């Protein structure tokens, strides 16, 4: 079981997270397959990985269309990782809906599996 610590109502303070322990943090326990939803501004952290295995999470964020997304996953993923992804994983990472560099890169905002390619940085 992965444990995430959250500080209730911290998303309303408008302050950056202080480094170190926070006495107001409470554990939010989730089992594999659980869905946890919170405002991304809430202060959160994980505890030490005591099982020494990768702990994966699928993080989806929503924002207004005119707000720039935080990361350009299709261009950030290294070639070696891209080669291991199946088509469904490439779709989730955004390879069918990446932002074009210019009008010559592509003209449609979404495309099908036939257009998936590793994007250069």
N, C-alpha and C. Protein backbone atom coordinates (compact mmCIF):
# COMPACT_ATOMS: atom_id res chain seq x y z
N UNK A 1 0.84 -1.17 0.00
CA UNK A 1 0.00 0.00 0.00
C UNK A 1 0.89 1.24 0.00
N UNK A 2 0.63 2.12 -0.93
CA UNK A 2 1.37 3.39 -0.99
C UNK A 2 0.67 4.41 -0.10
N UNK A 3 1.45 5.16 0.62
CA UNK A 3 0.88 6.19 1.49
C UNK A 3 1.35 7.55 0.99
N UNK A 4 0.39 8.42 0.77
CA UNK A 4 0.68 9.80 0.41
C UNK A 4 0.27 10.67 1.58
N UNK A 5 1.09 11.64 1.91
CA UNK A 5 0.74 12.60 2.95
C UNK A 5 0.16 13.84 2.30
N UNK A 6 -0.92 14.35 2.85
CA UNK A 6 -1.52 15.59 2.36
C UNK A 6 -1.75 16.53 3.53
N UNK A 7 -1.72 17.81 3.25
CA UNK A 7 -2.02 18.82 4.27
C UNK A 7 -3.37 19.43 3.90
N UNK A 8 -4.44 19.06 4.66
CA UNK A 8 -5.77 19.55 4.33
C UNK A 8 -5.84 21.08 4.23
N UNK A 9 -6.53 21.54 3.23
CA UNK A 9 -6.80 22.97 2.97
C UNK A 9 -5.56 23.78 2.61
N UNK A 10 -4.41 23.13 2.43
CA UNK A 10 -3.19 23.87 2.12
C UNK A 10 -3.25 24.53 0.74
N UNK A 11 -4.12 24.04 -0.13
CA UNK A 11 -4.26 24.64 -1.46
C UNK A 11 -4.89 26.03 -1.38
N UNK A 12 -5.44 26.38 -0.25
CA UNK A 12 -6.09 27.67 -0.10
C UNK A 12 -5.17 28.75 0.48
N UNK A 13 -3.94 28.38 0.85
CA UNK A 13 -3.06 29.34 1.52
C UNK A 13 -2.33 30.26 0.56
N UNK A 14 -2.09 29.81 -0.68
CA UNK A 14 -1.33 30.61 -1.62
C UNK A 14 0.15 30.62 -1.33
N UNK A 15 0.63 29.72 -0.47
CA UNK A 15 2.03 29.67 -0.10
C UNK A 15 2.71 28.43 -0.67
N UNK A 16 4.01 28.52 -0.89
CA UNK A 16 4.79 27.36 -1.33
C UNK A 16 5.00 26.41 -0.16
N UNK A 17 5.25 25.16 -0.50
CA UNK A 17 5.45 24.14 0.53
C UNK A 17 6.76 24.38 1.28
N UNK A 18 6.71 24.38 2.61
CA UNK A 18 7.96 24.46 3.38
C UNK A 18 8.68 23.12 3.29
N UNK A 19 9.98 23.14 3.31
CA UNK A 19 10.76 21.91 3.27
C UNK A 19 10.78 21.27 4.65
N UNK A 20 10.80 19.95 4.67
CA UNK A 20 10.85 19.25 5.94
C UNK A 20 9.48 18.73 6.35
N UNK A 21 9.38 18.27 7.55
CA UNK A 21 8.14 17.67 8.05
C UNK A 21 7.08 18.73 8.27
N UNK A 22 5.83 18.31 8.17
CA UNK A 22 4.70 19.20 8.41
C UNK A 22 3.76 18.51 9.39
N UNK A 23 3.58 19.09 10.55
CA UNK A 23 2.77 18.48 11.61
C UNK A 23 1.30 18.36 11.22
N UNK A 24 0.86 19.12 10.22
CA UNK A 24 -0.54 19.08 9.81
C UNK A 24 -0.82 18.01 8.76
N UNK A 25 0.23 17.34 8.27
CA UNK A 25 0.06 16.32 7.24
C UNK A 25 -0.66 15.09 7.79
N UNK A 26 -1.56 14.56 6.98
CA UNK A 26 -2.27 13.34 7.34
C UNK A 26 -2.05 12.30 6.24
N UNK A 27 -2.08 11.00 6.60
CA UNK A 27 -1.89 9.98 5.58
C UNK A 27 -3.14 9.77 4.73
N UNK A 28 -2.92 9.58 3.45
CA UNK A 28 -3.98 9.26 2.52
C UNK A 28 -3.59 7.91 1.93
N UNK A 29 -4.22 6.85 2.38
CA UNK A 29 -3.82 5.50 1.97
C UNK A 29 -4.65 5.07 0.76
N UNK A 30 -3.95 4.50 -0.22
CA UNK A 30 -4.63 4.04 -1.43
C UNK A 30 -4.11 2.66 -1.82
N UNK A 31 -5.02 1.81 -2.20
CA UNK A 31 -4.67 0.48 -2.69
C UNK A 31 -4.49 0.55 -4.20
N UNK A 32 -3.81 -0.43 -4.77
CA UNK A 32 -3.66 -0.51 -6.22
C UNK A 32 -5.05 -0.47 -6.86
N UNK A 33 -5.22 0.38 -7.85
CA UNK A 33 -6.49 0.51 -8.55
C UNK A 33 -7.40 1.60 -8.00
N UNK A 34 -7.08 2.17 -6.83
CA UNK A 34 -7.88 3.26 -6.27
C UNK A 34 -7.69 4.53 -7.07
N UNK A 35 -8.69 5.39 -7.05
CA UNK A 35 -8.60 6.71 -7.67
C UNK A 35 -8.64 7.73 -6.56
N UNK A 36 -7.69 8.64 -6.58
CA UNK A 36 -7.62 9.71 -5.59
C UNK A 36 -7.62 11.03 -6.36
N UNK A 37 -8.49 11.93 -5.98
CA UNK A 37 -8.59 13.22 -6.67
C UNK A 37 -8.39 14.34 -5.67
N UNK A 38 -7.49 15.28 -6.03
CA UNK A 38 -7.31 16.47 -5.20
C UNK A 38 -6.86 17.63 -6.06
N UNK A 39 -7.01 18.81 -5.52
CA UNK A 39 -6.52 20.02 -6.17
C UNK A 39 -5.00 19.94 -6.20
N UNK A 40 -4.40 20.15 -7.35
CA UNK A 40 -2.95 19.95 -7.47
C UNK A 40 -2.13 20.92 -6.64
N UNK A 41 -2.74 21.95 -6.12
CA UNK A 41 -2.01 22.90 -5.27
C UNK A 41 -1.88 22.41 -3.83
N UNK A 42 -2.60 21.35 -3.47
CA UNK A 42 -2.53 20.88 -2.08
C UNK A 42 -1.13 20.34 -1.79
N UNK A 43 -0.61 20.63 -0.63
CA UNK A 43 0.71 20.13 -0.26
C UNK A 43 0.63 18.62 -0.10
N UNK A 44 1.53 17.91 -0.77
CA UNK A 44 1.51 16.45 -0.71
C UNK A 44 2.92 15.91 -0.86
N UNK A 45 3.12 14.72 -0.33
CA UNK A 45 4.43 14.06 -0.38
C UNK A 45 4.20 12.57 -0.19
N UNK A 46 5.23 11.79 -0.46
CA UNK A 46 5.14 10.35 -0.20
C UNK A 46 6.11 9.99 0.92
N UNK A 47 5.86 8.86 1.50
CA UNK A 47 6.78 8.33 2.49
C UNK A 47 7.86 7.53 1.79
N UNK A 48 8.87 7.13 2.53
CA UNK A 48 9.96 6.35 1.96
C UNK A 48 9.41 5.07 1.31
N UNK A 49 9.98 4.71 0.19
CA UNK A 49 9.59 3.49 -0.51
C UNK A 49 10.21 2.29 0.20
N UNK A 50 9.48 1.70 1.12
CA UNK A 50 10.02 0.61 1.94
C UNK A 50 10.03 -0.73 1.21
N UNK A 51 9.27 -0.87 0.13
CA UNK A 51 9.22 -2.14 -0.59
C UNK A 51 10.25 -2.21 -1.71
N UNK A 52 10.91 -1.10 -1.99
CA UNK A 52 11.99 -1.03 -2.99
C UNK A 52 11.56 -1.49 -4.38
N UNK A 53 10.30 -1.22 -4.73
CA UNK A 53 9.78 -1.46 -6.08
C UNK A 53 9.28 -0.14 -6.61
N UNK A 54 9.22 -0.03 -7.94
CA UNK A 54 8.66 1.17 -8.53
C UNK A 54 7.21 1.33 -8.09
N UNK A 55 6.82 2.57 -7.82
CA UNK A 55 5.44 2.88 -7.48
C UNK A 55 4.92 3.83 -8.55
N UNK A 56 4.04 3.33 -9.38
CA UNK A 56 3.55 4.11 -10.50
C UNK A 56 2.23 4.78 -10.16
N UNK A 57 2.02 5.93 -10.76
CA UNK A 57 0.75 6.64 -10.65
C UNK A 57 0.45 7.27 -12.00
N UNK A 58 -0.79 7.24 -12.40
CA UNK A 58 -1.23 7.94 -13.59
C UNK A 58 -1.81 9.25 -13.12
N UNK A 59 -1.22 10.34 -13.52
CA UNK A 59 -1.64 11.66 -13.06
C UNK A 59 -2.27 12.40 -14.22
N UNK A 60 -3.51 12.80 -14.04
CA UNK A 60 -4.21 13.56 -15.06
C UNK A 60 -4.54 14.93 -14.49
N UNK A 61 -4.23 15.96 -15.22
CA UNK A 61 -4.55 17.31 -14.77
C UNK A 61 -5.44 17.97 -15.80
N UNK A 62 -6.29 18.83 -15.33
CA UNK A 62 -7.20 19.54 -16.20
C UNK A 62 -7.01 21.04 -15.98
N UNK A 63 -7.02 21.77 -17.05
CA UNK A 63 -6.91 23.22 -16.94
C UNK A 63 -7.56 23.86 -18.16
N UNK A 64 -7.70 25.14 -18.14
CA UNK A 64 -8.28 25.87 -19.27
C UNK A 64 -7.42 25.64 -20.51
N UNK A 65 -8.03 25.68 -21.67
CA UNK A 65 -7.33 25.39 -22.91
C UNK A 65 -6.18 26.33 -23.18
N UNK A 66 -6.23 27.54 -22.67
CA UNK A 66 -5.20 28.53 -22.96
C UNK A 66 -4.04 28.51 -21.96
N UNK A 67 -4.08 27.60 -20.99
CA UNK A 67 -2.99 27.48 -20.03
C UNK A 67 -2.02 26.42 -20.52
N UNK A 68 -0.76 26.76 -20.55
CA UNK A 68 0.28 25.85 -21.03
C UNK A 68 0.41 24.66 -20.10
N UNK A 69 0.49 23.46 -20.69
CA UNK A 69 0.69 22.28 -19.85
C UNK A 69 2.09 22.27 -19.28
N UNK A 70 2.27 21.53 -18.20
CA UNK A 70 3.53 21.54 -17.46
C UNK A 70 4.70 20.87 -18.17
N UNK A 71 4.45 19.78 -18.88
CA UNK A 71 5.53 19.04 -19.51
C UNK A 71 5.12 18.62 -20.91
N UNK A 72 6.07 18.53 -21.79
CA UNK A 72 5.84 18.06 -23.15
C UNK A 72 6.29 16.60 -23.20
N UNK A 73 5.43 15.70 -22.72
CA UNK A 73 5.80 14.29 -22.60
C UNK A 73 6.27 13.66 -23.91
N UNK A 74 5.59 13.90 -25.04
CA UNK A 74 6.07 13.27 -26.27
C UNK A 74 7.51 13.63 -26.64
N UNK A 75 7.94 14.82 -26.29
CA UNK A 75 9.32 15.21 -26.60
C UNK A 75 10.29 14.90 -25.46
N UNK A 76 9.76 14.67 -24.26
CA UNK A 76 10.62 14.43 -23.10
C UNK A 76 11.02 12.97 -22.94
N UNK A 77 10.21 12.06 -23.46
CA UNK A 77 10.48 10.63 -23.29
C UNK A 77 11.65 10.22 -24.17
N UNK A 78 12.68 9.59 -23.59
CA UNK A 78 13.84 9.19 -24.39
C UNK A 78 13.50 8.10 -25.41
N UNK A 79 14.27 8.05 -26.47
CA UNK A 79 14.07 7.08 -27.55
C UNK A 79 13.97 5.65 -27.00
N UNK A 80 14.84 5.30 -26.05
CA UNK A 80 14.84 3.94 -25.51
C UNK A 80 13.52 3.59 -24.84
N UNK A 81 12.90 4.54 -24.15
CA UNK A 81 11.60 4.29 -23.53
C UNK A 81 10.50 4.28 -24.57
N UNK A 82 10.56 5.20 -25.54
CA UNK A 82 9.56 5.26 -26.60
C UNK A 82 9.44 3.90 -27.31
N UNK A 83 10.57 3.27 -27.56
CA UNK A 83 10.59 1.99 -28.27
C UNK A 83 9.90 0.88 -27.48
N UNK A 84 9.78 1.01 -26.17
CA UNK A 84 9.15 -0.03 -25.35
C UNK A 84 7.64 0.18 -25.18
N UNK A 85 7.13 1.34 -25.56
CA UNK A 85 5.71 1.65 -25.37
C UNK A 85 4.85 0.96 -26.42
N UNK A 86 3.70 0.42 -25.99
CA UNK A 86 2.76 -0.10 -26.99
C UNK A 86 1.88 1.06 -27.47
N UNK A 87 1.02 0.82 -28.45
CA UNK A 87 0.22 1.90 -29.04
C UNK A 87 -0.68 2.58 -28.01
N UNK A 88 -1.30 1.80 -27.12
CA UNK A 88 -2.16 2.41 -26.10
C UNK A 88 -1.36 3.35 -25.19
N UNK A 89 -0.16 2.95 -24.81
CA UNK A 89 0.68 3.80 -23.96
C UNK A 89 1.10 5.07 -24.71
N UNK A 90 1.39 4.95 -25.98
CA UNK A 90 1.75 6.14 -26.77
C UNK A 90 0.59 7.12 -26.85
N UNK A 91 -0.61 6.60 -26.95
CA UNK A 91 -1.79 7.47 -26.97
C UNK A 91 -1.93 8.20 -25.64
N UNK A 92 -1.79 7.47 -24.53
CA UNK A 92 -1.92 8.09 -23.20
C UNK A 92 -0.87 9.18 -23.01
N UNK A 93 0.35 8.95 -23.48
CA UNK A 93 1.42 9.94 -23.33
C UNK A 93 1.27 11.13 -24.27
N UNK A 94 0.35 11.06 -25.22
CA UNK A 94 0.05 12.22 -26.05
C UNK A 94 0.66 12.23 -27.43
N UNK A 95 1.10 11.09 -27.92
CA UNK A 95 1.72 11.05 -29.24
C UNK A 95 0.72 11.25 -30.38
N UNK A 96 -0.57 11.15 -30.09
CA UNK A 96 -1.59 11.42 -31.12
C UNK A 96 -2.14 12.84 -31.01
N UNK A 97 -1.74 13.57 -29.99
CA UNK A 97 -2.30 14.91 -29.80
C UNK A 97 -1.24 15.91 -29.34
N UNK A 98 -0.02 15.74 -29.80
CA UNK A 98 1.05 16.64 -29.38
C UNK A 98 0.92 18.01 -30.06
N UNK A 99 1.50 19.01 -29.45
CA UNK A 99 1.50 20.36 -30.00
C UNK A 99 2.56 20.45 -31.08
N UNK A 100 2.20 20.84 -32.30
CA UNK A 100 3.19 20.93 -33.37
C UNK A 100 4.18 22.07 -33.11
N UNK A 101 5.41 21.89 -33.62
CA UNK A 101 6.41 22.95 -33.49
C UNK A 101 6.06 24.16 -34.34
N UNK A 102 5.51 23.91 -35.53
CA UNK A 102 5.14 24.99 -36.45
C UNK A 102 4.12 24.45 -37.44
N UNK A 103 3.75 25.26 -38.42
CA UNK A 103 2.73 24.86 -39.38
C UNK A 103 3.20 23.76 -40.32
N UNK A 104 4.49 23.48 -40.36
CA UNK A 104 5.02 22.42 -41.22
C UNK A 104 5.06 21.07 -40.50
N UNK A 105 5.06 21.09 -39.17
CA UNK A 105 5.12 19.86 -38.38
C UNK A 105 3.85 19.05 -38.58
N UNK A 106 2.70 19.68 -38.39
CA UNK A 106 1.40 19.07 -38.68
C UNK A 106 0.35 20.15 -38.59
N UNK A 107 -0.76 19.92 -39.25
CA UNK A 107 -1.81 20.94 -39.26
C UNK A 107 -3.01 20.56 -38.40
N UNK A 108 -3.20 19.28 -38.12
CA UNK A 108 -4.31 18.85 -37.27
C UNK A 108 -3.81 18.70 -35.82
N UNK A 109 -4.68 18.98 -34.87
CA UNK A 109 -4.27 18.88 -33.47
C UNK A 109 -4.28 17.44 -32.97
N UNK A 110 -5.11 16.60 -33.57
CA UNK A 110 -5.16 15.19 -33.17
C UNK A 110 -4.92 14.35 -34.41
N UNK A 111 -4.29 13.21 -34.22
CA UNK A 111 -4.04 12.32 -35.34
C UNK A 111 -4.16 10.88 -34.88
N UNK A 112 -4.11 9.97 -35.82
CA UNK A 112 -4.28 8.56 -35.50
C UNK A 112 -2.96 7.84 -35.27
N UNK A 113 -3.07 6.55 -35.03
CA UNK A 113 -1.89 5.72 -34.77
C UNK A 113 -0.91 5.72 -35.94
N UNK A 114 -1.41 5.93 -37.16
CA UNK A 114 -0.53 5.93 -38.33
C UNK A 114 0.44 7.10 -38.32
N UNK A 115 0.18 8.12 -37.51
CA UNK A 115 1.04 9.31 -37.45
C UNK A 115 1.99 9.32 -36.26
N UNK A 116 1.92 8.28 -35.40
CA UNK A 116 2.77 8.25 -34.21
C UNK A 116 4.23 8.14 -34.62
N UNK A 117 5.04 9.00 -34.02
CA UNK A 117 6.48 8.96 -34.26
C UNK A 117 7.17 9.50 -33.03
N UNK A 118 8.44 9.15 -32.87
CA UNK A 118 9.23 9.73 -31.79
C UNK A 118 9.52 11.16 -32.18
N UNK A 119 9.26 12.08 -31.29
CA UNK A 119 9.47 13.50 -31.58
C UNK A 119 10.83 13.93 -31.11
N UNK A 120 11.50 14.72 -31.91
CA UNK A 120 12.82 15.21 -31.50
C UNK A 120 12.64 16.38 -30.54
N UNK A 121 13.64 16.57 -29.71
CA UNK A 121 13.59 17.66 -28.72
C UNK A 121 14.05 18.96 -29.33
